Amino acid sequence: MKHIILAILFFIMVSGLSACTTSQPIQNVEKQVITSTASDEEVRQAITDAATSLGWVIVADHGNEITAVIDVRTHQATVSIPYSSSNYSIIYKNSIDLNHSGGKIHRNYNRWVANLDQEIRRNLNIAKTHH
């Protein structure tokens, strides 16, 4: 009986520690379909407006690809955002102080990318209603 109780306590302890982990698999946005009729320039504007409104800085913008960087305290993430009039992606490029290793990264990175994706989609829907 004592061994069973110890085994259960060990299991609870290990489960509790794994719930505290901050690393998650990197979540890229791959070829997010644009359902509205938008030109490449309108998509570019939706992306840059979304990025800057969320604290991302555009460091490169040419050839239907934007590179954006976000700095939060000591953390930095850089993404590549290739786009066209039909889709866009948000792809991890590099990071500082986000524990990137083996395809995993601090969960805040995924939250920042999800927020950026959501804001881009919102901007494209707004652009759609103005036509």
N, C-alpha and C. Protein backbone atom coordinates (compact mmCIF):
# COMPACT_ATOMS: atom_id res chain seq x y z
N MET A 1 0.83 -1.18 0.00
CA MET A 1 0.00 0.00 0.00
C MET A 1 0.88 1.25 0.00
N LYS A 2 1.97 1.22 0.78
CA LYS A 2 2.87 2.36 0.86
C LYS A 2 3.48 2.66 -0.52
N HIS A 3 3.81 1.63 -1.29
CA HIS A 3 4.39 1.81 -2.62
C HIS A 3 3.38 2.44 -3.58
N ILE A 4 2.13 2.07 -3.46
CA ILE A 4 1.10 2.64 -4.32
C ILE A 4 0.94 4.13 -4.02
N ILE A 5 0.91 4.49 -2.77
CA ILE A 5 0.77 5.90 -2.39
C ILE A 5 1.98 6.69 -2.88
N LEU A 6 3.18 6.13 -2.72
CA LEU A 6 4.38 6.81 -3.22
C LEU A 6 4.34 6.96 -4.74
N ALA A 7 3.87 5.94 -5.43
CA ALA A 7 3.77 5.99 -6.89
C ALA A 7 2.78 7.07 -7.32
N ILE A 8 1.65 7.15 -6.61
CA ILE A 8 0.65 8.17 -6.94
C ILE A 8 1.21 9.56 -6.68
N LEU A 9 1.89 9.75 -5.55
CA LEU A 9 2.48 11.05 -5.25
C LEU A 9 3.53 11.44 -6.29
N PHE A 10 4.34 10.48 -6.70
CA PHE A 10 5.35 10.73 -7.72
C PHE A 10 4.69 11.15 -9.03
N PHE A 11 3.63 10.45 -9.42
CA PHE A 11 2.91 10.76 -10.65
C PHE A 11 2.34 12.18 -10.59
N ILE A 12 1.74 12.54 -9.46
CA ILE A 12 1.16 13.88 -9.29
C ILE A 12 2.26 14.94 -9.38
N MET A 13 3.41 14.67 -8.76
CA MET A 13 4.51 15.62 -8.79
C MET A 13 5.03 15.81 -10.22
N VAL A 14 5.23 14.73 -10.95
CA VAL A 14 5.74 14.80 -12.31
C VAL A 14 4.71 15.49 -13.21
N SER A 15 3.44 15.18 -13.04
CA SER A 15 2.39 15.83 -13.83
C SER A 15 2.36 17.33 -13.55
N GLY A 16 2.51 17.70 -12.32
CA GLY A 16 2.51 19.11 -11.94
C GLY A 16 3.67 19.85 -12.55
N LEU A 17 4.84 19.25 -12.58
CA LEU A 17 6.02 19.89 -13.16
C LEU A 17 5.87 20.07 -14.66
N SER A 18 5.31 19.07 -15.34
CA SER A 18 5.16 19.18 -16.79
C SER A 18 4.13 20.24 -17.16
N ALA A 19 3.18 20.50 -16.29
CA ALA A 19 2.19 21.55 -16.56
C ALA A 19 2.82 22.94 -16.45
N CYS A 20 3.93 23.05 -15.76
CA CYS A 20 4.59 24.35 -15.55
C CYS A 20 5.54 24.71 -16.69
N THR A 21 5.78 23.81 -17.61
CA THR A 21 6.74 24.08 -18.68
C THR A 21 6.28 25.25 -19.54
N THR A 22 7.22 26.04 -19.98
CA THR A 22 6.87 27.19 -20.81
C THR A 22 7.17 26.95 -22.28
N SER A 23 7.80 25.82 -22.62
CA SER A 23 8.13 25.53 -24.01
C SER A 23 6.99 24.81 -24.71
N GLN A 24 6.77 25.22 -25.96
CA GLN A 24 5.77 24.60 -26.82
C GLN A 24 6.36 24.46 -28.21
N PRO A 25 5.80 23.58 -29.04
CA PRO A 25 6.24 23.53 -30.43
C PRO A 25 5.96 24.87 -31.12
N ILE A 26 6.85 25.30 -31.99
CA ILE A 26 6.65 26.54 -32.73
C ILE A 26 5.42 26.39 -33.62
N GLN A 27 4.53 27.37 -33.52
CA GLN A 27 3.30 27.37 -34.31
C GLN A 27 3.41 28.41 -35.42
N ASN A 28 3.86 27.99 -36.60
CA ASN A 28 3.88 28.89 -37.75
C ASN A 28 2.47 28.98 -38.32
N VAL A 29 2.17 30.08 -38.96
CA VAL A 29 0.93 30.22 -39.72
C VAL A 29 1.30 29.94 -41.16
N GLU A 30 0.74 28.89 -41.72
CA GLU A 30 1.12 28.45 -43.07
C GLU A 30 0.00 28.71 -44.07
N LYS A 31 0.27 29.56 -45.03
CA LYS A 31 -0.65 29.83 -46.14
C LYS A 31 -2.08 30.07 -45.67
N GLN A 32 -2.24 31.05 -44.78
CA GLN A 32 -3.56 31.47 -44.32
C GLN A 32 -4.31 32.05 -45.53
N VAL A 33 -5.44 31.43 -45.87
CA VAL A 33 -6.18 31.84 -47.06
C VAL A 33 -6.88 33.17 -46.82
N ILE A 34 -6.78 34.04 -47.79
CA ILE A 34 -7.46 35.34 -47.75
C ILE A 34 -8.75 35.19 -48.54
N THR A 35 -9.86 35.29 -47.85
CA THR A 35 -11.16 35.06 -48.49
C THR A 35 -11.70 36.30 -49.18
N SER A 36 -11.21 37.47 -48.80
CA SER A 36 -11.69 38.70 -49.44
C SER A 36 -10.92 38.93 -50.73
N THR A 37 -11.46 39.78 -51.57
CA THR A 37 -10.76 40.19 -52.78
C THR A 37 -9.86 41.36 -52.39
N ALA A 38 -8.57 41.11 -52.37
CA ALA A 38 -7.62 42.14 -51.97
C ALA A 38 -6.41 42.09 -52.89
N SER A 39 -5.85 43.24 -53.16
CA SER A 39 -4.63 43.30 -53.95
C SER A 39 -3.44 42.97 -53.05
N ASP A 40 -2.30 42.72 -53.67
CA ASP A 40 -1.08 42.49 -52.89
C ASP A 40 -0.81 43.68 -51.97
N GLU A 41 -1.03 44.90 -52.48
CA GLU A 41 -0.78 46.11 -51.70
C GLU A 41 -1.72 46.20 -50.50
N GLU A 42 -2.99 45.81 -50.67
CA GLU A 42 -3.94 45.83 -49.55
C GLU A 42 -3.56 44.80 -48.49
N VAL A 43 -3.09 43.64 -48.93
CA VAL A 43 -2.63 42.62 -47.98
C VAL A 43 -1.40 43.12 -47.24
N ARG A 44 -0.46 43.73 -47.97
CA ARG A 44 0.74 44.29 -47.34
C ARG A 44 0.35 45.32 -46.28
N GLN A 45 -0.59 46.19 -46.62
CA GLN A 45 -1.01 47.22 -45.68
C GLN A 45 -1.70 46.62 -44.46
N ALA A 46 -2.52 45.59 -44.66
CA ALA A 46 -3.19 44.91 -43.54
C ALA A 46 -2.15 44.29 -42.60
N ILE A 47 -1.10 43.70 -43.18
CA ILE A 47 -0.05 43.08 -42.37
C ILE A 47 0.74 44.14 -41.60
N THR A 48 1.17 45.19 -42.29
CA THR A 48 1.98 46.21 -41.60
C THR A 48 1.17 46.94 -40.54
N ASP A 49 -0.10 47.22 -40.83
CA ASP A 49 -0.95 47.87 -39.82
C ASP A 49 -1.13 46.97 -38.59
N ALA A 50 -1.37 45.68 -38.85
CA ALA A 50 -1.56 44.73 -37.74
C ALA A 50 -0.28 44.64 -36.91
N ALA A 51 0.83 44.49 -37.58
CA ALA A 51 2.11 44.32 -36.87
C ALA A 51 2.42 45.54 -36.01
N THR A 52 2.35 46.72 -36.59
CA THR A 52 2.72 47.92 -35.84
C THR A 52 1.74 48.19 -34.70
N SER A 53 0.48 47.86 -34.88
CA SER A 53 -0.50 48.08 -33.80
C SER A 53 -0.24 47.17 -32.60
N LEU A 54 0.45 46.06 -32.84
CA LEU A 54 0.75 45.11 -31.76
C LEU A 54 2.18 45.22 -31.24
N GLY A 55 2.92 46.22 -31.69
CA GLY A 55 4.27 46.43 -31.18
C GLY A 55 5.37 45.77 -31.99
N TRP A 56 5.04 45.17 -33.13
CA TRP A 56 6.06 44.62 -34.02
C TRP A 56 6.67 45.76 -34.81
N VAL A 57 7.94 45.65 -35.15
CA VAL A 57 8.62 46.64 -35.97
C VAL A 57 8.95 45.99 -37.31
N ILE A 58 8.59 46.67 -38.39
CA ILE A 58 8.90 46.17 -39.73
C ILE A 58 10.36 46.52 -40.02
N VAL A 59 11.19 45.50 -40.23
CA VAL A 59 12.61 45.74 -40.49
C VAL A 59 12.99 45.52 -41.95
N ALA A 60 12.10 44.86 -42.70
CA ALA A 60 12.31 44.68 -44.14
C ALA A 60 10.94 44.51 -44.79
N ASP A 61 10.81 45.07 -46.01
CA ASP A 61 9.53 45.01 -46.71
C ASP A 61 9.81 45.11 -48.20
N HIS A 62 9.98 43.97 -48.83
CA HIS A 62 10.22 43.96 -50.27
C HIS A 62 9.92 42.59 -50.86
N GLY A 63 9.57 42.58 -52.13
CA GLY A 63 9.33 41.33 -52.84
C GLY A 63 8.23 40.47 -52.24
N ASN A 64 7.15 41.09 -51.80
CA ASN A 64 6.01 40.37 -51.19
C ASN A 64 6.42 39.56 -49.97
N GLU A 65 7.37 40.09 -49.22
CA GLU A 65 7.77 39.48 -47.95
C GLU A 65 8.16 40.57 -46.96
N ILE A 66 7.58 40.47 -45.78
CA ILE A 66 7.84 41.41 -44.71
C ILE A 66 8.60 40.67 -43.61
N THR A 67 9.59 41.31 -43.04
CA THR A 67 10.27 40.79 -41.86
C THR A 67 9.91 41.71 -40.70
N ALA A 68 9.41 41.11 -39.62
CA ALA A 68 8.98 41.91 -38.47
C ALA A 68 9.64 41.37 -37.20
N VAL A 69 9.92 42.30 -36.28
CA VAL A 69 10.58 41.96 -35.01
C VAL A 69 9.73 42.51 -33.88
N ILE A 70 9.60 41.72 -32.81
CA ILE A 70 8.95 42.21 -31.60
C ILE A 70 9.94 42.07 -30.45
N ASP A 71 10.03 43.13 -29.64
CA ASP A 71 10.87 43.14 -28.45
C ASP A 71 9.97 43.30 -27.24
N VAL A 72 10.04 42.36 -26.33
CA VAL A 72 9.28 42.44 -25.07
C VAL A 72 10.27 42.18 -23.93
N ARG A 73 10.55 43.21 -23.16
CA ARG A 73 11.57 43.16 -22.10
C ARG A 73 12.88 42.64 -22.69
N THR A 74 13.37 41.48 -22.25
CA THR A 74 14.63 40.94 -22.76
C THR A 74 14.42 39.96 -23.90
N HIS A 75 13.18 39.77 -24.31
CA HIS A 75 12.84 38.77 -25.34
C HIS A 75 12.67 39.43 -26.70
N GLN A 76 13.10 38.71 -27.73
CA GLN A 76 12.94 39.22 -29.09
C GLN A 76 12.60 38.06 -30.02
N ALA A 77 11.66 38.30 -30.92
CA ALA A 77 11.32 37.31 -31.94
C ALA A 77 11.29 37.99 -33.30
N THR A 78 11.76 37.28 -34.30
CA THR A 78 11.75 37.76 -35.68
C THR A 78 10.99 36.77 -36.53
N VAL A 79 10.06 37.29 -37.35
CA VAL A 79 9.28 36.44 -38.24
C VAL A 79 9.38 36.95 -39.67
N SER A 80 9.21 36.04 -40.60
CA SER A 80 9.09 36.36 -42.02
C SER A 80 7.62 36.21 -42.37
N ILE A 81 7.08 37.17 -43.12
CA ILE A 81 5.67 37.12 -43.49
C ILE A 81 5.56 37.25 -45.02
N PRO A 82 5.69 36.12 -45.73
CA PRO A 82 5.47 36.16 -47.17
C PRO A 82 3.96 36.27 -47.44
N TYR A 83 3.59 37.00 -48.49
CA TYR A 83 2.17 37.21 -48.75
C TYR A 83 1.90 37.37 -50.24
N SER A 84 0.64 37.19 -50.60
CA SER A 84 0.13 37.46 -51.94
C SER A 84 -1.31 37.91 -51.77
N SER A 85 -2.00 38.10 -52.85
CA SER A 85 -3.40 38.50 -52.74
C SER A 85 -4.29 37.35 -52.30
N SER A 86 -3.75 36.12 -52.29
CA SER A 86 -4.57 34.96 -51.93
C SER A 86 -4.23 34.33 -50.58
N ASN A 87 -3.02 34.58 -50.05
CA ASN A 87 -2.66 33.99 -48.75
C ASN A 87 -1.43 34.68 -48.16
N TYR A 88 -1.18 34.37 -46.89
CA TYR A 88 0.02 34.85 -46.22
C TYR A 88 0.44 33.80 -45.20
N SER A 89 1.69 33.88 -44.78
CA SER A 89 2.23 32.99 -43.76
C SER A 89 2.98 33.84 -42.74
N ILE A 90 3.13 33.30 -41.53
CA ILE A 90 3.98 33.92 -40.51
C ILE A 90 4.94 32.83 -40.06
N ILE A 91 6.20 32.99 -40.42
CA ILE A 91 7.21 31.93 -40.25
C ILE A 91 8.30 32.39 -39.28
N TYR A 92 8.60 31.56 -38.30
CA TYR A 92 9.68 31.83 -37.35
C TYR A 92 11.00 31.99 -38.09
N LYS A 93 11.75 33.04 -37.77
CA LYS A 93 13.10 33.23 -38.30
C LYS A 93 14.15 33.02 -37.22
N ASN A 94 14.02 33.78 -36.12
CA ASN A 94 14.96 33.61 -35.01
C ASN A 94 14.42 34.32 -33.78
N SER A 95 15.13 34.14 -32.68
CA SER A 95 14.69 34.74 -31.43
C SER A 95 15.87 34.90 -30.49
N ILE A 96 15.64 35.74 -29.48
CA ILE A 96 16.60 35.94 -28.40
C ILE A 96 15.86 35.77 -27.08
N ASP A 97 16.41 34.96 -26.20
CA ASP A 97 15.88 34.78 -24.85
C ASP A 97 14.46 34.21 -24.82
N LEU A 98 14.16 33.32 -25.80
CA LEU A 98 12.85 32.64 -25.81
C LEU A 98 13.00 31.12 -25.75
N ASN A 99 14.17 30.67 -25.32
CA ASN A 99 14.43 29.24 -25.11
C ASN A 99 14.15 28.39 -26.34
N HIS A 100 14.51 28.89 -27.52
CA HIS A 100 14.31 28.13 -28.75
C HIS A 100 15.26 26.95 -28.80
N SER A 101 14.70 25.76 -28.93
CA SER A 101 15.52 24.55 -29.01
C SER A 101 14.68 23.40 -29.54
N GLY A 102 15.20 22.71 -30.52
CA GLY A 102 14.54 21.51 -31.02
C GLY A 102 13.11 21.72 -31.49
N GLY A 103 12.87 22.83 -32.17
CA GLY A 103 11.53 23.10 -32.69
C GLY A 103 10.55 23.59 -31.64
N LYS A 104 11.04 23.86 -30.43
CA LYS A 104 10.19 24.38 -29.36
C LYS A 104 10.65 25.77 -28.98
N ILE A 105 9.73 26.53 -28.37
CA ILE A 105 10.00 27.91 -28.01
C ILE A 105 9.09 28.30 -26.85
N HIS A 106 9.42 29.37 -26.17
CA HIS A 106 8.59 29.87 -25.08
C HIS A 106 7.17 30.11 -25.59
N ARG A 107 6.18 29.76 -24.81
CA ARG A 107 4.78 29.85 -25.25
C ARG A 107 4.35 31.27 -25.61
N ASN A 108 5.02 32.29 -25.08
CA ASN A 108 4.66 33.66 -25.43
C ASN A 108 4.84 33.93 -26.93
N TYR A 109 5.85 33.31 -27.54
CA TYR A 109 6.05 33.48 -28.98
C TYR A 109 4.80 33.07 -29.74
N ASN A 110 4.26 31.90 -29.43
CA ASN A 110 3.07 31.43 -30.13
C ASN A 110 1.88 32.36 -29.90
N ARG A 111 1.79 32.92 -28.71
CA ARG A 111 0.70 33.87 -28.42
C ARG A 111 0.87 35.14 -29.26
N TRP A 112 2.11 35.64 -29.36
CA TRP A 112 2.36 36.84 -30.16
C TRP A 112 2.00 36.60 -31.63
N VAL A 113 2.37 35.43 -32.15
CA VAL A 113 2.08 35.10 -33.56
C VAL A 113 0.58 34.92 -33.76
N ALA A 114 -0.10 34.26 -32.82
CA ALA A 114 -1.56 34.08 -32.93
C ALA A 114 -2.26 35.44 -32.91
N ASN A 115 -1.80 36.35 -32.05
CA ASN A 115 -2.39 37.69 -32.01
C ASN A 115 -2.15 38.44 -33.32
N LEU A 116 -0.96 38.31 -33.87
CA LEU A 116 -0.64 38.95 -35.14
C LEU A 116 -1.53 38.39 -36.25
N ASP A 117 -1.66 37.10 -36.32
CA ASP A 117 -2.52 36.45 -37.31
C ASP A 117 -3.97 36.95 -37.18
N GLN A 118 -4.47 36.98 -35.98
CA GLN A 118 -5.84 37.43 -35.74
C GLN A 118 -6.03 38.88 -36.18
N GLU A 119 -5.05 39.73 -35.89
CA GLU A 119 -5.16 41.14 -36.25
C GLU A 119 -5.06 41.33 -37.77
N ILE A 120 -4.22 40.55 -38.44
CA ILE A 120 -4.14 40.61 -39.91
C ILE A 120 -5.49 40.22 -40.50
N ARG A 121 -6.06 39.11 -40.02
CA ARG A 121 -7.37 38.67 -40.53
C ARG A 121 -8.44 39.73 -40.27
N ARG A 122 -8.40 40.36 -39.11
CA ARG A 122 -9.36 41.42 -38.78
C ARG A 122 -9.20 42.59 -39.76
N ASN A 123 -7.97 42.98 -40.01
CA ASN A 123 -7.72 44.08 -40.95
C ASN A 123 -8.19 43.74 -42.37
N LEU A 124 -7.99 42.50 -42.79
CA LEU A 124 -8.44 42.10 -44.12
C LEU A 124 -9.97 42.08 -44.20
N ASN A 125 -10.63 41.71 -43.12
CA ASN A 125 -12.10 41.76 -43.11
C ASN A 125 -12.59 43.18 -43.14
N ILE A 126 -11.90 44.10 -42.44
CA ILE A 126 -12.26 45.51 -42.47
C ILE A 126 -12.06 46.05 -43.88
N ALA A 127 -10.95 45.69 -44.51
CA ALA A 127 -10.66 46.15 -45.87
C ALA A 127 -11.76 45.65 -46.82
N LYS A 128 -12.23 44.44 -46.60
CA LYS A 128 -13.26 43.84 -47.44
C LYS A 128 -14.55 44.64 -47.37
N THR A 129 -14.92 45.14 -46.18
CA THR A 129 -16.16 45.88 -46.01
C THR A 129 -16.09 47.28 -46.61
N HIS A 130 -14.90 47.78 -46.91
CA HIS A 130 -14.76 49.12 -47.48
C HIS A 130 -14.80 49.12 -49.01
N HIS A 131 -14.97 47.97 -49.62
CA HIS A 131 -15.03 47.91 -51.10
C HIS A 131 -16.44 48.02 -51.59
